[in-house]
């Protein structure tokens, strides 16, 4: 349990490092312009950063549910529900919209 509690903020730190990369890149490399490469880089890194953030939040909800409520199944159920919400809104929905726009509907 303590290892999971330690892992969650580590994953959040990784997500923050990934999310901040485009800002640092632009400040140092493309100070006076925004290239197509930068837009692709920023978009890709934000998509990647959402994964460790999603996992960290679900881990922390599980740990808190287990410790505070002293019920393993409640923490697991709420955490799994949050994982589905995050995955649907952050990955499935955008991919579905992208696919629909490519088909012209």
C-alpha atoms as a PDB file:
ATOM      1  CA  UNK A   1       0.000   0.000   0.000  1.00  0.00           C
ATOM      2  CA  UNK A   2       2.801   2.431   0.859  1.00  0.00           C
ATOM      3  CA  UNK A   3       4.533   1.663  -2.421  1.00  0.00           C
ATOM      4  CA  UNK A   4       1.368   2.610  -4.323  1.00  0.00           C
ATOM      5  CA  UNK A   5       1.072   5.804  -2.286  1.00  0.00           C
ATOM      6  CA  UNK A   6       4.674   6.614  -3.238  1.00  0.00           C
ATOM      7  CA  UNK A   7       4.168   5.689  -6.898  1.00  0.00           C
ATOM      8  CA  UNK A   8       1.216   8.049  -7.442  1.00  0.00           C
ATOM      9  CA  UNK A   9       3.106  11.343  -6.897  1.00  0.00           C
ATOM     10  CA  UNK A  10       6.064   9.982  -8.865  1.00  0.00           C
ATOM     11  CA  UNK A  11       3.714   9.424 -11.818  1.00  0.00           C
ATOM     12  CA  UNK A  12       2.266  12.913 -11.342  1.00  0.00           C
ATOM     13  CA  UNK A  13       5.796  14.352 -11.422  1.00  0.00           C
ATOM     14  CA  UNK A  14       6.496  12.451 -14.655  1.00  0.00           C
ATOM     15  CA  UNK A  15       3.243  13.764 -16.156  1.00  0.00           C
ATOM     16  CA  UNK A  16       4.130  17.339 -15.158  1.00  0.00           C
ATOM     17  CA  UNK A  17       7.600  17.024 -16.651  1.00  0.00           C
ATOM     18  CA  UNK A  18       6.105  15.801 -19.926  1.00  0.00           C
ATOM     19  CA  UNK A  19       3.409  18.506 -19.953  1.00  0.00           C
ATOM     20  CA  UNK A  20       5.968  21.280 -19.358  1.00  0.00           C
ATOM     21  CA  UNK A  21       8.290  20.102 -22.134  1.00  0.00           C
ATOM     22  CA  UNK A  22       6.508  21.994 -24.950  1.00  0.00           C
ATOM     23  CA  UNK A  23       6.659  25.280 -23.009  1.00  0.00           C
ATOM     24  CA  UNK A  24      10.361  24.850 -22.379  1.00  0.00           C
ATOM     25  CA  UNK A  25      11.028  23.841 -25.987  1.00  0.00           C
ATOM     26  CA  UNK A  26       9.163  26.854 -27.351  1.00  0.00           C
ATOM     27  CA  UNK A  27      10.885  29.262 -24.959  1.00  0.00           C
ATOM     28  CA  UNK A  28      14.353  27.990 -25.901  1.00  0.00           C
ATOM     29  CA  UNK A  29      14.019  26.888 -29.536  1.00  0.00           C
ATOM     30  CA  UNK A  30      11.078  28.623 -31.226  1.00  0.00           C
ATOM     31  CA  UNK A  31      10.947  31.847 -29.269  1.00  0.00           C
ATOM     32  CA  UNK A  32       9.403  34.046 -31.974  1.00  0.00           C
ATOM     33  CA  UNK A  33       7.417  31.522 -33.980  1.00  0.00           C
ATOM     34  CA  UNK A  34       5.191  28.481 -33.772  1.00  0.00           C
ATOM     35  CA  UNK A  35       5.968  25.743 -36.267  1.00  0.00           C
ATOM     36  CA  UNK A  36       3.858  22.791 -37.348  1.00  0.00           C
ATOM     37  CA  UNK A  37       6.459  20.593 -35.622  1.00  0.00           C
ATOM     38  CA  UNK A  38       5.854  22.396 -32.331  1.00  0.00           C
ATOM     39  CA  UNK A  39       2.089  21.939 -32.579  1.00  0.00           C
ATOM     40  CA  UNK A  40       2.551  18.197 -33.230  1.00  0.00           C
ATOM     41  CA  UNK A  41       5.113  17.947 -30.411  1.00  0.00           C
ATOM     42  CA  UNK A  42       2.899  19.739 -27.886  1.00  0.00           C
ATOM     43  CA  UNK A  43      -0.174  17.740 -28.852  1.00  0.00           C
ATOM     44  CA  UNK A  44       1.671  14.429 -28.682  1.00  0.00           C
ATOM     45  CA  UNK A  45       3.342  15.164 -25.361  1.00  0.00           C
ATOM     46  CA  UNK A  46       0.088  16.250 -23.763  1.00  0.00           C
ATOM     47  CA  UNK A  47      -1.542  13.010 -24.948  1.00  0.00           C
ATOM     48  CA  UNK A  48       1.355  11.005 -23.504  1.00  0.00           C
ATOM     49  CA  UNK A  49       1.316  12.915 -20.198  1.00  0.00           C
ATOM     50  CA  UNK A  50      -2.339  12.127 -19.613  1.00  0.00           C
ATOM     51  CA  UNK A  51      -1.560   8.418 -19.187  1.00  0.00           C
ATOM     52  CA  UNK A  52       0.671   8.645 -16.074  1.00  0.00           C
ATOM     53  CA  UNK A  53      -1.621  11.344 -14.672  1.00  0.00           C
ATOM     54  CA  UNK A  54      -4.668   9.117 -15.159  1.00  0.00           C
ATOM     55  CA  UNK A  55      -2.955   6.128 -13.559  1.00  0.00           C
ATOM     56  CA  UNK A  56      -1.633   8.210 -10.628  1.00  0.00           C
ATOM     57  CA  UNK A  57      -5.042   9.674  -9.823  1.00  0.00           C
ATOM     58  CA  UNK A  58      -6.681   6.256  -9.935  1.00  0.00           C
ATOM     59  CA  UNK A  59      -3.972   4.751  -7.715  1.00  0.00           C
ATOM     60  CA  UNK A  60      -4.386   7.528  -5.176  1.00  0.00           C
ATOM     61  CA  UNK A  61      -8.185   7.164  -5.141  1.00  0.00           C
ATOM     62  CA  UNK A  62      -7.768   3.422  -4.568  1.00  0.00           C
ATOM     63  CA  UNK A  63      -5.288   3.965  -1.718  1.00  0.00           C
ATOM     64  CA  UNK A  64      -7.473   6.628  -0.073  1.00  0.00           C
ATOM     65  CA  UNK A  65     -10.567   4.471  -0.427  1.00  0.00           C
ATOM     66  CA  UNK A  66      -8.833   1.525   1.151  1.00  0.00           C
ATOM     67  CA  UNK A  67      -7.291   3.515   4.019  1.00  0.00           C
ATOM     68  CA  UNK A  68     -10.137   5.894   4.853  1.00  0.00           C
ATOM     69  CA  UNK A  69     -13.107   3.632   4.168  1.00  0.00           C
ATOM     70  CA  UNK A  70     -11.224   0.444   5.072  1.00  0.00           C
ATOM     71  CA  UNK A  71     -12.946  -1.284   2.189  1.00  0.00           C
ATOM     72  CA  UNK A  72     -10.775  -2.704  -0.579  1.00  0.00           C
ATOM     73  CA  UNK A  73     -13.661  -3.122  -3.007  1.00  0.00           C
ATOM     74  CA  UNK A  74     -14.984   0.453  -2.715  1.00  0.00           C
ATOM     75  CA  UNK A  75     -11.594   1.948  -3.520  1.00  0.00           C
ATOM     76  CA  UNK A  76     -11.127  -0.494  -6.379  1.00  0.00           C
ATOM     77  CA  UNK A  77     -14.609   0.157  -7.802  1.00  0.00           C
ATOM     78  CA  UNK A  78     -14.325   3.943  -7.653  1.00  0.00           C
ATOM     79  CA  UNK A  79     -10.809   3.820  -9.056  1.00  0.00           C
ATOM     80  CA  UNK A  80     -11.892   1.568 -11.931  1.00  0.00           C
ATOM     81  CA  UNK A  81     -14.830   3.872 -12.645  1.00  0.00           C
ATOM     82  CA  UNK A  82     -12.520   6.888 -12.764  1.00  0.00           C
ATOM     83  CA  UNK A  83     -10.144   5.013 -15.049  1.00  0.00           C
ATOM     84  CA  UNK A  84     -13.012   4.397 -17.462  1.00  0.00           C
ATOM     85  CA  UNK A  85     -14.104   8.048 -17.331  1.00  0.00           C
ATOM     86  CA  UNK A  86     -10.561   9.292 -17.963  1.00  0.00           C
ATOM     87  CA  UNK A  87      -9.910   6.760 -20.728  1.00  0.00           C
ATOM     88  CA  UNK A  88     -13.213   7.559 -22.437  1.00  0.00           C
ATOM     89  CA  UNK A  89     -12.885  11.343 -22.258  1.00  0.00           C
ATOM     90  CA  UNK A  90      -9.150  11.647 -22.829  1.00  0.00           C
ATOM     91  CA  UNK A  91      -8.600   8.887 -25.408  1.00  0.00           C
ATOM     92  CA  UNK A  92     -11.712   7.154 -26.786  1.00  0.00           C
ATOM     93  CA  UNK A  93     -13.745  10.332 -27.414  1.00  0.00           C
ATOM     94  CA  UNK A  94     -10.962  12.234 -29.245  1.00  0.00           C
ATOM     95  CA  UNK A  95     -10.072   9.183 -31.342  1.00  0.00           C
ATOM     96  CA  UNK A  96     -13.732   8.634 -32.223  1.00  0.00           C
ATOM     97  CA  UNK A  97     -14.140  12.283 -33.215  1.00  0.00           C
ATOM     98  CA  UNK A  98     -10.967  12.127 -35.299  1.00  0.00           C
ATOM     99  CA  UNK A  99     -12.181   9.022 -37.081  1.00  0.00           C
ATOM    100  CA  UNK A 100     -15.593  10.597 -37.693  1.00  0.00           C
ATOM    101  CA  UNK A 101     -14.060  13.780 -39.105  1.00  0.00           C
ATOM    102  CA  UNK A 102     -11.913  11.738 -41.494  1.00  0.00           C
ATOM    103  CA  UNK A 103     -15.042  10.014 -42.788  1.00  0.00           C
ATOM    104  CA  UNK A 104     -16.745  13.374 -43.202  1.00  0.00           C
ATOM    105  CA  UNK A 105     -19.597  12.760 -40.774  1.00  0.00           C
END
